Structures are given as C-alpha cells and as structure tokens.
Amino acid sequence: MNIVMPFDTNAFSVLSLGFILGLKHALDADHLIAVSTIVSEKKGFWSSSLVGALWGAGHTISLLIVGLIVIALNVQIPERLALAMELCVALMLIALGASVLWKIKKGAVLHLHVHEHNHHVHVHPHIHELNTAQEHRHDHEVTVGKKPFFVGMVHGVAGSAALMLLVLTTISSRAIALLYIGIFGLGSVGGMFLMSALIGLPFSLTANFTRLNKAIQLTAGVISVVFGIFLVWQIGFVDGLFL
C-alpha cells in the first residue's frame, strides 16, 4: 500500500529519519572494514577523515543514479542482481585487504624525515617500498586519492536494492523519494567522516612506531580479506547466488 507524502510534517519526519538511517548505515561492518583498510595506508588525521567523506560522496552519487533509474521506471531490482552487486563488495574487500598485505610483504617501510619552513620544524612520514628511491616531497596539502570514492560507489550500488525497495513501497512522491535518497546519503557522508576520523587515530598515533603501526595495518588487511571471504560464502551459498 503506497502512502502519499506531500512536503508537510510527515515528509519532514521521513526525511529526518532518512538522515538518521544514513548515519547508522555508515556503521555497517563491510563499510567500516573497507574504510579501515584504506585508512590503514594513511598517516594523517585529516587524510583519514577525508577518506570517509569521499567514501560517502561516492556512496551517495551511486545511490542517486540508481534511484533515478529505479524511480523513473518504477521497477524493483531483481534479487539475483542485488546479490551479485553484494558479491562485488565481498570481492572488493578481499582485493583491498590483499593490496595492503602485498605492500607489507614487499617490505614497504615508514620513513620519517624532518625539515624546516620559516623556522617551524615539520616531521613528514612517508611510505616507501623497500629498495626504492625515497622521494622527499614537502607538500602540505592533504591527498587521499580516488580509491575511497570508487569504493563508496560500489557500496552504494550494492546497498541500493534494499533502499529502493523501502523508497518504492512507502513514498509515492518521486521528488520526496529522491530527496530522501539524497539526505540518506548526506547522513552516510557525515557518519563515515566521523568514523574514519576515529579509525585513523591509531594509525596516526603510531606513525612514529613502525612495528606497532605495521601490526595494526596487517590486522586491518587480514580482517578485510577474511570478512570478504565470509561474505562470498554467505552470498554465494547461504543466500543462494551460486546455487
């Protein structure tokens, strides 16, 4: 049964709930593990925080794209397609974890060096692979790369099936439905920004302790691979994608 929701108190309540659910959505285990694995390669607090923000941005954009298609055509995402999209997340977690473990195996080391600007001393941490030239760049801008954005997009596509089912069955106004998706996405941006900042603290605090930092990084990589394998089994055999 569809519920018509004009932009009134009911619509405001639904949109507020969407923001809260977006915040909660950022706490899903596969989201946190993926972001933790990316953050494990960052050494600064702000770069770690921006990983979460970029993840949320990619997540929101893919939700809106899928939402536009689904709402415009008024269709539901087939169950097997939804499972296949979730399988992509599992494989991505395995790849992210394996990438971290491979870099550790190749002997990537944390290198610290000091330089001075205007009588102010800075300590810059860098990750260098063993037996490679150490390039000393002193850029102060925060860079995080494109990886968290695309990881967020994959998560957004995989999570779109359940969200679209909720939207299509409870909100008949297309404008409110799209606004709900956007606000849900903003909630996930804020939630993951905060979570990646918290996750990044152990890595930034142990940046000067190479072995401890490496142990935390190794843990993040192993958890990502193991959880990804578990999801492959869950999606493939328990949920029936491979059957």
Foldseek 3Di string as FASTA:
>chain_A
DEDEDDPDPVLVVLLVVLLVVLLVVCVPPLNLLLLLLLLLQPQDLQLLLVLLLLLLVLLLVLLLVVLVVCLVVVDADDPLVLLVLLLVSLVVLQVSLVVLVVQVVQPWFWDWDWDDDPNRIDIDIDTDGPPDDDDDDDDPDRDRDNVSNVSSNSVNNSPNRVLSVVLSRYYNDSVSSSSSSNSSSVSNSVNSSVSSSVSNVVSNVCSVPTVSSSVSSNVSSVVSNVVSVVSCCCSPPVVPSVD
